[in-house]
Amino acid sequence: MRRGCSASHITLECALQTHPNITIIGEEVVAKKLSFKNVTDYVVDVICKRAELGYNYGVILIPEVQQLIVELNEILSHDSVDEDGQWKKKLTDQSLKVFDFLPVMT
């Protein structure tokens, strides 16, 4: 990321260019003291309302997931993923919360 650019600035610029249905800005989430569950409930509500109108598609910009992906890529490029989950200690607190919230793939 270039100096002076934050994920929120990039997300806002992307939103201005692409007009997504939902844009989630980290500073707004923090200011409103929203949990990840609050945010996902909001996303689900928007999806359900759009589906009622027959809009079974959409675009959502979520920068927090991007940070998790960056951290996972860094870990995977240097380390192996151990069965007991010690690799998770290398995630930031925010990314770990996002990761732990995601459903388990079976």
PDB file of N, CA and C in Angstrom:
ATOM      1  N   MET A   1       0.843  -1.162   0.000  1.00  0.00           N
ATOM      2  CA  MET A   1       0.000   0.000   0.000  1.00  0.00           C
ATOM      3  C   MET A   1       0.896   1.235   0.000  1.00  0.00           C
ATOM      4  N   ARG A   2       0.528   2.239  -0.747  1.00  0.00           N
ATOM      5  CA  ARG A   2       1.320   3.456  -0.817  1.00  0.00           C
ATOM      6  C   ARG A   2       1.183   4.254   0.468  1.00  0.00           C
ATOM      7  N   ARG A   3       2.226   4.992   0.788  1.00  0.00           N
ATOM      8  CA  ARG A   3       2.196   5.871   1.964  1.00  0.00           C
ATOM      9  C   ARG A   3       1.049   6.870   1.792  1.00  0.00           C
ATOM     10  N   GLY A   4       0.301   7.084   2.879  1.00  0.00           N
ATOM     11  CA  GLY A   4      -0.791   8.043   2.837  1.00  0.00           C
ATOM     12  C   GLY A   4      -2.118   7.433   2.425  1.00  0.00           C
ATOM     13  N   CYS A   5      -2.114   6.187   2.021  1.00  0.00           N
ATOM     14  CA  CYS A   5      -3.357   5.525   1.619  1.00  0.00           C
ATOM     15  C   CYS A   5      -3.749   4.531   2.699  1.00  0.00           C
ATOM     16  N   SER A   6      -5.004   4.528   3.052  1.00  0.00           N
ATOM     17  CA  SER A   6      -5.497   3.525   3.984  1.00  0.00           C
ATOM     18  C   SER A   6      -6.493   2.657   3.252  1.00  0.00           C
ATOM     19  N   ALA A   7      -6.816   1.530   3.860  1.00  0.00           N
ATOM     20  CA  ALA A   7      -7.814   0.649   3.252  1.00  0.00           C
ATOM     21  C   ALA A   7      -9.125   1.387   3.049  1.00  0.00           C
ATOM     22  N   SER A   8      -9.482   2.270   3.979  1.00  0.00           N
ATOM     23  CA  SER A   8     -10.737   3.012   3.862  1.00  0.00           C
ATOM     24  C   SER A   8     -10.718   3.987   2.693  1.00  0.00           C
ATOM     25  N   HIS A   9      -9.578   4.674   2.500  1.00  0.00           N
ATOM     26  CA  HIS A   9      -9.490   5.585   1.359  1.00  0.00           C
ATOM     27  C   HIS A   9      -9.610   4.823   0.044  1.00  0.00           C
ATOM     28  N   ILE A  10      -8.950   3.703  -0.024  1.00  0.00           N
ATOM     29  CA  ILE A  10      -9.018   2.883  -1.238  1.00  0.00           C
ATOM     30  C   ILE A  10     -10.435   2.347  -1.434  1.00  0.00           C
ATOM     31  N   THR A  11     -11.054   1.901  -0.354  1.00  0.00           N
ATOM     32  CA  THR A  11     -12.424   1.390  -0.431  1.00  0.00           C
ATOM     33  C   THR A  11     -13.370   2.490  -0.899  1.00  0.00           C
ATOM     34  N   LEU A  12     -13.242   3.681  -0.348  1.00  0.00           N
ATOM     35  CA  LEU A  12     -14.101   4.794  -0.772  1.00  0.00           C
ATOM     36  C   LEU A  12     -13.907   5.127  -2.247  1.00  0.00           C
ATOM     37  N   GLU A  13     -12.670   5.149  -2.683  1.00  0.00           N
ATOM     38  CA  GLU A  13     -12.409   5.434  -4.102  1.00  0.00           C
ATOM     39  C   GLU A  13     -13.023   4.358  -4.989  1.00  0.00           C
ATOM     40  N   CYS A  14     -12.862   3.097  -4.585  1.00  0.00           N
ATOM     41  CA  CYS A  14     -13.476   1.999  -5.340  1.00  0.00           C
ATOM     42  C   CYS A  14     -14.998   2.143  -5.373  1.00  0.00           C
ATOM     43  N   ALA A  15     -15.581   2.545  -4.233  1.00  0.00           N
ATOM     44  CA  ALA A  15     -17.033   2.724  -4.162  1.00  0.00           C
ATOM     45  C   ALA A  15     -17.496   3.843  -5.097  1.00  0.00           C
ATOM     46  N   LEU A  16     -16.743   4.926  -5.134  1.00  0.00           N
ATOM     47  CA  LEU A  16     -17.100   6.029  -6.029  1.00  0.00           C
ATOM     48  C   LEU A  16     -17.049   5.606  -7.490  1.00  0.00           C
ATOM     49  N   GLN A  17     -16.115   4.726  -7.809  1.00  0.00           N
ATOM     50  CA  GLN A  17     -15.958   4.290  -9.195  1.00  0.00           C
ATOM     51  C   GLN A  17     -16.929   3.179  -9.600  1.00  0.00           C
ATOM     52  N   THR A  18     -17.294   2.312  -8.649  1.00  0.00           N
ATOM     53  CA  THR A  18     -18.060   1.107  -9.009  1.00  0.00           C
ATOM     54  C   THR A  18     -19.505   1.106  -8.527  1.00  0.00           C
ATOM     55  N   HIS A  19     -19.863   1.983  -7.586  1.00  0.00           N
ATOM     56  CA  HIS A  19     -21.230   2.067  -7.053  1.00  0.00           C
ATOM     57  C   HIS A  19     -21.738   0.730  -6.516  1.00  0.00           C
ATOM     58  N   PRO A  20     -21.038   0.153  -5.524  1.00  0.00           N
ATOM     59  CA  PRO A  20     -21.490  -1.125  -4.964  1.00  0.00           C
ATOM     60  C   PRO A  20     -22.783  -0.940  -4.169  1.00  0.00           C
ATOM     61  N   ASN A  21     -23.439  -2.046  -3.876  1.00  0.00           N
ATOM     62  CA  ASN A  21     -24.661  -2.003  -3.076  1.00  0.00           C
ATOM     63  C   ASN A  21     -24.355  -1.716  -1.611  1.00  0.00           C
ATOM     64  N   ILE A  22     -23.208  -2.159  -1.135  1.00  0.00           N
ATOM     65  CA  ILE A  22     -22.778  -1.941   0.242  1.00  0.00           C
ATOM     66  C   ILE A  22     -21.287  -1.646   0.228  1.00  0.00           C
ATOM     67  N   THR A  23     -20.891  -0.642   1.010  1.00  0.00           N
ATOM     68  CA  THR A  23     -19.481  -0.374   1.245  1.00  0.00           C
ATOM     69  C   THR A  23     -19.288  -0.282   2.748  1.00  0.00           C
ATOM     70  N   ILE A  24     -18.382  -1.064   3.271  1.00  0.00           N
ATOM     71  CA  ILE A  24     -18.118  -1.072   4.702  1.00  0.00           C
ATOM     72  C   ILE A  24     -16.776  -0.383   4.943  1.00  0.00           C
ATOM     73  N   ILE A  25     -16.824   0.672   5.751  1.00  0.00           N
ATOM     74  CA  ILE A  25     -15.640   1.470   6.042  1.00  0.00           C
ATOM     75  C   ILE A  25     -15.223   1.204   7.481  1.00  0.00           C
ATOM     76  N   GLY A  26     -13.967   0.830   7.672  1.00  0.00           N
ATOM     77  CA  GLY A  26     -13.471   0.468   8.992  1.00  0.00           C
ATOM     78  C   GLY A  26     -13.686   1.534  10.047  1.00  0.00           C
ATOM     79  N   GLU A  27     -13.399   2.802   9.715  1.00  0.00           N
ATOM     80  CA  GLU A  27     -13.559   3.881  10.690  1.00  0.00           C
ATOM     81  C   GLU A  27     -15.013   4.038  11.120  1.00  0.00           C
ATOM     82  N   GLU A  28     -15.934   3.819  10.191  1.00  0.00           N
ATOM     83  CA  GLU A  28     -17.360   3.909  10.517  1.00  0.00           C
ATOM     84  C   GLU A  28     -17.765   2.779  11.459  1.00  0.00           C
ATOM     85  N   VAL A  29     -17.240   1.595  11.205  1.00  0.00           N
ATOM     86  CA  VAL A  29     -17.520   0.441  12.069  1.00  0.00           C
ATOM     87  C   VAL A  29     -17.019   0.722  13.483  1.00  0.00           C
ATOM     88  N   VAL A  30     -15.813   1.269  13.586  1.00  0.00           N
ATOM     89  CA  VAL A  30     -15.231   1.583  14.893  1.00  0.00           C
ATOM     90  C   VAL A  30     -16.029   2.689  15.582  1.00  0.00           C
ATOM     91  N   ALA A  31     -16.352   3.757  14.847  1.00  0.00           N
ATOM     92  CA  ALA A  31     -17.072   4.893  15.430  1.00  0.00           C
ATOM     93  C   ALA A  31     -18.435   4.475  15.977  1.00  0.00           C
ATOM     94  N   LYS A  32     -19.089   3.561  15.286  1.00  0.00           N
ATOM     95  CA  LYS A  32     -20.410   3.096  15.718  1.00  0.00           C
ATOM     96  C   LYS A  32     -20.326   1.906  16.672  1.00  0.00           C
ATOM     97  N   LYS A  33     -19.071   1.471  16.947  1.00  0.00           N
ATOM     98  CA  LYS A  33     -18.814   0.340  17.841  1.00  0.00           C
ATOM     99  C   LYS A  33     -19.585  -0.914  17.396  1.00  0.00           C
ATOM    100  N   LEU A  34     -19.527  -1.188  16.086  1.00  0.00           N
ATOM    101  CA  LEU A  34     -20.190  -2.349  15.529  1.00  0.00           C
ATOM    102  C   LEU A  34     -19.301  -3.576  15.634  1.00  0.00           C
ATOM    103  N   SER A  35     -19.883  -4.708  15.948  1.00  0.00           N
ATOM    104  CA  SER A  35     -19.149  -5.963  15.942  1.00  0.00           C
ATOM    105  C   SER A  35     -19.202  -6.542  14.527  1.00  0.00           C
ATOM    106  N   PHE A  36     -18.409  -7.559  14.302  1.00  0.00           N
ATOM    107  CA  PHE A  36     -18.444  -8.229  13.001  1.00  0.00           C
ATOM    108  C   PHE A  36     -19.834  -8.819  12.765  1.00  0.00           C
ATOM    109  N   LYS A  37     -20.470  -9.305  13.833  1.00  0.00           N
ATOM    110  CA  LYS A  37     -21.832  -9.833  13.718  1.00  0.00           C
ATOM    111  C   LYS A  37     -22.810  -8.732  13.319  1.00  0.00           C
ATOM    112  N   ASN A  38     -22.679  -7.527  13.902  1.00  0.00           N
ATOM    113  CA  ASN A  38     -23.540  -6.401  13.512  1.00  0.00           C
ATOM    114  C   ASN A  38     -23.415  -6.118  12.022  1.00  0.00           C
ATOM    115  N   VAL A  39     -22.181  -6.118  11.553  1.00  0.00           N
ATOM    116  CA  VAL A  39     -21.931  -5.829  10.141  1.00  0.00           C
ATOM    117  C   VAL A  39     -22.528  -6.924   9.258  1.00  0.00           C
ATOM    118  N   THR A  40     -22.312  -8.183   9.629  1.00  0.00           N
ATOM    119  CA  THR A  40     -22.858  -9.267   8.802  1.00  0.00           C
ATOM    120  C   THR A  40     -24.385  -9.285   8.844  1.00  0.00           C
ATOM    121  N   ASP A  41     -24.977  -8.949   9.982  1.00  0.00           N
ATOM    122  CA  ASP A  41     -26.447  -8.851  10.049  1.00  0.00           C
ATOM    123  C   ASP A  41     -26.953  -7.776   9.089  1.00  0.00           C
ATOM    124  N   TYR A  42     -26.251  -6.647   9.035  1.00  0.00           N
ATOM    125  CA  TYR A  42     -26.614  -5.574   8.107  1.00  0.00           C
ATOM    126  C   TYR A  42     -26.522  -6.062   6.658  1.00  0.00           C
ATOM    127  N   VAL A  43     -25.444  -6.750   6.341  1.00  0.00           N
ATOM    128  CA  VAL A  43     -25.260  -7.267   4.986  1.00  0.00           C
ATOM    129  C   VAL A  43     -26.384  -8.248   4.635  1.00  0.00           C
ATOM    130  N   VAL A  44     -26.702  -9.130   5.556  1.00  0.00           N
ATOM    131  CA  VAL A  44     -27.780 -10.106   5.325  1.00  0.00           C
ATOM    132  C   VAL A  44     -29.104  -9.389   5.088  1.00  0.00           C
ATOM    133  N   ASP A  45     -29.388  -8.355   5.886  1.00  0.00           N
ATOM    134  CA  ASP A  45     -30.635  -7.594   5.706  1.00  0.00           C
ATOM    135  C   ASP A  45     -30.714  -6.976   4.315  1.00  0.00           C
ATOM    136  N   VAL A  46     -29.618  -6.379   3.872  1.00  0.00           N
ATOM    137  CA  VAL A  46     -29.595  -5.770   2.535  1.00  0.00           C
ATOM    138  C   VAL A  46     -29.796  -6.832   1.463  1.00  0.00           C
ATOM    139  N   ILE A  47     -29.124  -7.960   1.604  1.00  0.00           N
ATOM    140  CA  ILE A  47     -29.262  -9.042   0.621  1.00  0.00           C
ATOM    141  C   ILE A  47     -30.706  -9.530   0.565  1.00  0.00           C
ATOM    142  N   CYS A  48     -31.325  -9.721   1.726  1.00  0.00           N
ATOM    143  CA  CYS A  48     -32.716 -10.206   1.765  1.00  0.00           C
ATOM    144  C   CYS A  48     -33.678  -9.202   1.133  1.00  0.00           C
ATOM    145  N   LYS A  49     -33.497  -7.926   1.442  1.00  0.00           N
ATOM    146  CA  LYS A  49     -34.368  -6.891   0.854  1.00  0.00           C
ATOM    147  C   LYS A  49     -34.198  -6.821  -0.659  1.00  0.00           C
ATOM    148  N   ARG A  50     -32.958  -6.942  -1.124  1.00  0.00           N
ATOM    149  CA  ARG A  50     -32.719  -6.940  -2.577  1.00  0.00           C
ATOM    150  C   ARG A  50     -33.319  -8.178  -3.229  1.00  0.00           C
ATOM    151  N   ALA A  51     -33.228  -9.320  -2.563  1.00  0.00           N
ATOM    152  CA  ALA A  51     -33.800 -10.560  -3.111  1.00  0.00           C
ATOM    153  C   ALA A  51     -35.317 -10.453  -3.241  1.00  0.00           C
ATOM    154  N   GLU A  52     -35.964  -9.808  -2.265  1.00  0.00           N
ATOM    155  CA  GLU A  52     -37.420  -9.600  -2.343  1.00  0.00           C
ATOM    156  C   GLU A  52     -37.806  -8.791  -3.578  1.00  0.00           C
ATOM    157  N   LEU A  53     -36.898  -7.924  -4.026  1.00  0.00           N
ATOM    158  CA  LEU A  53     -37.139  -7.104  -5.215  1.00  0.00           C
ATOM    159  C   LEU A  53     -36.674  -7.792  -6.497  1.00  0.00           C
ATOM    160  N   GLY A  54     -36.164  -9.026  -6.354  1.00  0.00           N
ATOM    161  CA  GLY A  54     -35.693  -9.780  -7.517  1.00  0.00           C
ATOM    162  C   GLY A  54     -34.261  -9.506  -7.904  1.00  0.00           C
ATOM    163  N   TYR A  55     -33.535  -8.764  -7.062  1.00  0.00           N
ATOM    164  CA  TYR A  55     -32.131  -8.469  -7.337  1.00  0.00           C
ATOM    165  C   TYR A  55     -31.267  -9.511  -6.631  1.00  0.00           C
ATOM    166  N   ASN A  56     -31.041 -10.626  -7.295  1.00  0.00           N
ATOM    167  CA  ASN A  56     -30.285 -11.731  -6.709  1.00  0.00           C
ATOM    168  C   ASN A  56     -28.807 -11.648  -7.076  1.00  0.00           C
ATOM    169  N   TYR A  57     -28.261 -10.468  -6.944  1.00  0.00           N
ATOM    170  CA  TYR A  57     -26.860 -10.214  -7.230  1.00  0.00           C
ATOM    171  C   TYR A  57     -26.471  -8.939  -6.485  1.00  0.00           C
ATOM    172  N   GLY A  58     -25.191  -8.656  -6.396  1.00  0.00           N
ATOM    173  CA  GLY A  58     -24.753  -7.421  -5.765  1.00  0.00           C
ATOM    174  C   GLY A  58     -23.257  -7.414  -5.549  1.00  0.00           C
ATOM    175  N   VAL A  59     -22.754  -6.264  -5.117  1.00  0.00           N
ATOM    176  CA  VAL A  59     -21.335  -6.087  -4.852  1.00  0.00           C
ATOM    177  C   VAL A  59     -21.186  -5.461  -3.468  1.00  0.00           C
ATOM    178  N   ILE A  60     -20.253  -6.011  -2.691  1.00  0.00           N
ATOM    179  CA  ILE A  60     -19.970  -5.498  -1.355  1.00  0.00           C
ATOM    180  C   ILE A  60     -18.464  -5.286  -1.248  1.00  0.00           C
ATOM    181  N   LEU A  61     -18.057  -4.131  -0.752  1.00  0.00           N
ATOM    182  CA  LEU A  61     -16.639  -3.864  -0.502  1.00  0.00           C
ATOM    183  C   LEU A  61     -16.384  -3.970   0.992  1.00  0.00           C
ATOM    184  N   ILE A  62     -15.474  -4.887   1.378  1.00  0.00           N
ATOM    185  CA  ILE A  62     -15.166  -5.124   2.785  1.00  0.00           C
ATOM    186  C   ILE A  62     -13.648  -5.149   2.950  1.00  0.00           C
ATOM    187  N   PRO A  63     -13.039  -4.051   3.370  1.00  0.00           N
ATOM    188  CA  PRO A  63     -11.570  -4.020   3.461  1.00  0.00           C
ATOM    189  C   PRO A  63     -10.989  -4.912   4.551  1.00  0.00           C
ATOM    190  N   GLU A  64     -11.724  -5.195   5.625  1.00  0.00           N
ATOM    191  CA  GLU A  64     -11.178  -6.002   6.709  1.00  0.00           C
ATOM    192  C   GLU A  64     -10.818  -7.412   6.243  1.00  0.00           C
ATOM    193  N   VAL A  65     -11.596  -7.961   5.338  1.00  0.00           N
ATOM    194  CA  VAL A  65     -11.300  -9.291   4.820  1.00  0.00           C
ATOM    195  C   VAL A  65     -10.025  -9.243   3.983  1.00  0.00           C
ATOM    196  N   GLN A  66      -9.817  -8.138   3.293  1.00  0.00           N
ATOM    197  CA  GLN A  66      -8.600  -7.994   2.501  1.00  0.00           C
ATOM    198  C   GLN A  66      -7.372  -8.079   3.407  1.00  0.00           C
ATOM    199  N   GLN A  67      -7.418  -7.443   4.571  1.00  0.00           N
ATOM    200  CA  GLN A  67      -6.284  -7.490   5.493  1.00  0.00           C
ATOM    201  C   GLN A  67      -6.034  -8.923   5.958  1.00  0.00           C
ATOM    202  N   LEU A  68      -7.095  -9.664   6.245  1.00  0.00           N
ATOM    203  CA  LEU A  68      -6.956 -11.069   6.635  1.00  0.00           C
ATOM    204  C   LEU A  68      -6.280 -11.858   5.523  1.00  0.00           C
ATOM    205  N   ILE A  69      -6.682 -11.642   4.301  1.00  0.00           N
ATOM    206  CA  ILE A  69      -6.089 -12.360   3.166  1.00  0.00           C
ATOM    207  C   ILE A  69      -4.605 -12.029   3.032  1.00  0.00           C
ATOM    208  N   VAL A  70      -4.260 -10.756   3.208  1.00  0.00           N
ATOM    209  CA  VAL A  70      -2.849 -10.349   3.145  1.00  0.00           C
ATOM    210  C   VAL A  70      -2.040 -11.084   4.213  1.00  0.00           C
ATOM    211  N   GLU A  71      -2.573 -11.126   5.431  1.00  0.00           N
ATOM    212  CA  GLU A  71      -1.863 -11.788   6.524  1.00  0.00           C
ATOM    213  C   GLU A  71      -1.762 -13.292   6.287  1.00  0.00           C
ATOM    214  N   LEU A  72      -2.831 -13.911   5.808  1.00  0.00           N
ATOM    215  CA  LEU A  72      -2.777 -15.353   5.520  1.00  0.00           C
ATOM    216  C   LEU A  72      -1.760 -15.658   4.437  1.00  0.00           C
ATOM    217  N   ASN A  73      -1.722 -14.846   3.396  1.00  0.00           N
ATOM    218  CA  ASN A  73      -0.740 -15.044   2.326  1.00  0.00           C
ATOM    219  C   ASN A  73       0.681 -14.950   2.858  1.00  0.00           C
ATOM    220  N   GLU A  74       0.915 -13.993   3.747  1.00  0.00           N
ATOM    221  CA  GLU A  74       2.249 -13.826   4.339  1.00  0.00           C
ATOM    222  C   GLU A  74       2.633 -15.060   5.159  1.00  0.00           C
ATOM    223  N   ILE A  75       1.704 -15.533   5.966  1.00  0.00           N
ATOM    224  CA  ILE A  75       1.965 -16.718   6.791  1.00  0.00           C
ATOM    225  C   ILE A  75       2.236 -17.926   5.912  1.00  0.00           C
ATOM    226  N   LEU A  76       1.399 -18.133   4.913  1.00  0.00           N
ATOM    227  CA  LEU A  76       1.541 -19.308   4.049  1.00  0.00           C
ATOM    228  C   LEU A  76       2.804 -19.260   3.195  1.00  0.00           C
ATOM    229  N   SER A  77       3.309 -18.058   2.914  1.00  0.00           N
ATOM    230  CA  SER A  77       4.522 -17.965   2.096  1.00  0.00           C
ATOM    231  C   SER A  77       5.781 -18.304   2.891  1.00  0.00           C
ATOM    232  N   HIS A  78       5.681 -18.265   4.226  1.00  0.00           N
ATOM    233  CA  HIS A  78       6.857 -18.532   5.053  1.00  0.00           C
ATOM    234  C   HIS A  78       6.731 -19.753   5.948  1.00  0.00           C
ATOM    235  N   ASP A  79       5.530 -20.147   6.267  1.00  0.00           N
ATOM    236  CA  ASP A  79       5.317 -21.203   7.243  1.00  0.00           C
ATOM    237  C   ASP A  79       4.319 -22.227   6.716  1.00  0.00           C
ATOM    238  N   SER A  80       4.305 -23.371   7.376  1.00  0.00           N
ATOM    239  CA  SER A  80       3.265 -24.353   7.078  1.00  0.00           C
ATOM    240  C   SER A  80       2.162 -24.188   8.114  1.00  0.00           C
ATOM    241  N   VAL A  81       0.984 -24.608   7.755  1.00  0.00           N
ATOM    242  CA  VAL A  81      -0.157 -24.518   8.667  1.00  0.00           C
ATOM    243  C   VAL A  81      -0.172 -25.780   9.510  1.00  0.00           C
ATOM    244  N   ASP A  82      -0.002 -25.611  10.810  1.00  0.00           N
ATOM    245  CA  ASP A  82       0.044 -26.746  11.720  1.00  0.00           C
ATOM    246  C   ASP A  82      -1.364 -27.121  12.187  1.00  0.00           C
ATOM    247  N   GLU A  83      -1.542 -28.377  12.508  1.00  0.00           N
ATOM    248  CA  GLU A  83      -2.853 -28.898  12.901  1.00  0.00           C
ATOM    249  C   GLU A  83      -3.386 -28.284  14.193  1.00  0.00           C
ATOM    250  N   ASP A  84      -2.497 -27.917  15.105  1.00  0.00           N
ATOM    251  CA  ASP A  84      -2.967 -27.387  16.386  1.00  0.00           C
ATOM    252  C   ASP A  84      -3.243 -25.883  16.343  1.00  0.00           C
ATOM    253  N   GLY A  85      -3.073 -25.246  15.190  1.00  0.00           N
ATOM    254  CA  GLY A  85      -3.456 -23.852  15.012  1.00  0.00           C
ATOM    255  C   GLY A  85      -2.497 -22.817  15.561  1.00  0.00           C
ATOM    256  N   GLN A  86      -1.246 -23.195  15.796  1.00  0.00           N
ATOM    257  CA  GLN A  86      -0.266 -22.234  16.301  1.00  0.00           C
ATOM    258  C   GLN A  86      -0.039 -21.085  15.311  1.00  0.00           C
ATOM    259  N   TRP A  87      -0.244 -21.356  14.030  1.00  0.00           N
ATOM    260  CA  TRP A  87      -0.054 -20.331  13.007  1.00  0.00           C
ATOM    261  C   TRP A  87      -0.999 -19.144  13.208  1.00  0.00           C
ATOM    262  N   LYS A  88      -2.146 -19.373  13.845  1.00  0.00           N
ATOM    263  CA  LYS A  88      -3.118 -18.302  14.068  1.00  0.00           C
ATOM    264  C   LYS A  88      -2.556 -17.202  14.966  1.00  0.00           C
ATOM    265  N   LYS A  89      -1.554 -17.531  15.784  1.00  0.00           N
ATOM    266  CA  LYS A  89      -0.950 -16.541  16.680  1.00  0.00           C
ATOM    267  C   LYS A  89      -0.236 -15.438  15.900  1.00  0.00           C
ATOM    268  N   LYS A  90       0.011 -15.676  14.613  1.00  0.00           N
ATOM    269  CA  LYS A  90       0.690 -14.690  13.787  1.00  0.00           C
ATOM    270  C   LYS A  90      -0.283 -13.676  13.177  1.00  0.00           C
ATOM    271  N   LEU A  91      -1.590 -13.922  13.313  1.00  0.00           N
ATOM    272  CA  LEU A  91      -2.595 -12.985  12.820  1.00  0.00           C
ATOM    273  C   LEU A  91      -2.758 -11.838  13.817  1.00  0.00           C
ATOM    274  N   THR A  92      -3.095 -10.659  13.316  1.00  0.00           N
ATOM    275  CA  THR A  92      -3.443  -9.562  14.214  1.00  0.00           C
ATOM    276  C   THR A  92      -4.760  -9.906  14.909  1.00  0.00           C
ATOM    277  N   ASP A  93      -5.039  -9.232  16.008  1.00  0.00           N
ATOM    278  CA  ASP A  93      -6.279  -9.505  16.742  1.00  0.00           C
ATOM    279  C   ASP A  93      -7.511  -9.346  15.847  1.00  0.00           C
ATOM    280  N   GLN A  94      -7.535  -8.271  15.040  1.00  0.00           N
ATOM    281  CA  GLN A  94      -8.686  -8.024  14.169  1.00  0.00           C
ATOM    282  C   GLN A  94      -8.845  -9.143  13.140  1.00  0.00           C
ATOM    283  N   SER A  95      -7.758  -9.548  12.519  1.00  0.00           N
ATOM    284  CA  SER A  95      -7.837 -10.610  11.511  1.00  0.00           C
ATOM    285  C   SER A  95      -8.223 -11.945  12.132  1.00  0.00           C
ATOM    286  N   LEU A  96      -7.736 -12.206  13.340  1.00  0.00           N
ATOM    287  CA  LEU A  96      -8.103 -13.439  14.024  1.00  0.00           C
ATOM    288  C   LEU A  96      -9.602 -13.468  14.322  1.00  0.00           C
ATOM    289  N   LYS A  97     -10.159 -12.333  14.734  1.00  0.00           N
ATOM    290  CA  LYS A  97     -11.605 -12.262  14.984  1.00  0.00           C
ATOM    291  C   LYS A  97     -12.397 -12.531  13.713  1.00  0.00           C
ATOM    292  N   VAL A  98     -11.952 -11.948  12.607  1.00  0.00           N
ATOM    293  CA  VAL A  98     -12.627 -12.180  11.328  1.00  0.00           C
ATOM    294  C   VAL A  98     -12.506 -13.649  10.943  1.00  0.00           C
ATOM    295  N   PHE A  99     -11.309 -14.208  11.057  1.00  0.00           N
ATOM    296  CA  PHE A  99     -11.088 -15.604  10.686  1.00  0.00           C
ATOM    297  C   PHE A  99     -11.955 -16.532  11.526  1.00  0.00           C
ATOM    298  N   ASP A 100     -11.988 -16.311  12.846  1.00  0.00           N
ATOM    299  CA  ASP A 100     -12.756 -17.181  13.732  1.00  0.00           C
ATOM    300  C   ASP A 100     -14.255 -17.069  13.497  1.00  0.00           C
ATOM    301  N   PHE A 101     -14.708 -15.926  12.959  1.00  0.00           N
ATOM    302  CA  PHE A 101     -16.125 -15.753  12.675  1.00  0.00           C
ATOM    303  C   PHE A 101     -16.565 -16.510  11.436  1.00  0.00           C
ATOM    304  N   LEU A 102     -15.633 -16.725  10.495  1.00  0.00           N
ATOM    305  CA  LEU A 102     -15.971 -17.401   9.242  1.00  0.00           C
ATOM    306  C   LEU A 102     -16.394 -18.845   9.489  1.00  0.00           C
ATOM    307  N   PRO A 103     -17.325 -19.365   8.691  1.00  0.00           N
ATOM    308  CA  PRO A 103     -17.773 -20.745   8.882  1.00  0.00           C
ATOM    309  C   PRO A 103     -16.675 -21.747   8.548  1.00  0.00           C
ATOM    310  N   VAL A 104     -16.697 -22.881   9.238  1.00  0.00           N
ATOM    311  CA  VAL A 104     -15.723 -23.945   8.996  1.00  0.00           C
ATOM    312  C   VAL A 104     -16.111 -24.689   7.717  1.00  0.00           C
ATOM    313  N   MET A 105     -15.142 -24.883   6.849  1.00  0.00           N
ATOM    314  CA  MET A 105     -15.379 -25.624   5.615  1.00  0.00           C
ATOM    315  C   MET A 105     -15.155 -27.108   5.879  1.00  0.00           C
ATOM    316  N   THR A 106     -16.109 -27.913   5.487  1.00  0.00           N
ATOM    317  CA  THR A 106     -15.977 -29.355   5.689  1.00  0.00           C
ATOM    318  C   THR A 106     -15.870 -30.073   4.377  1.00  0.00           C
TER     319      THR A 106
END
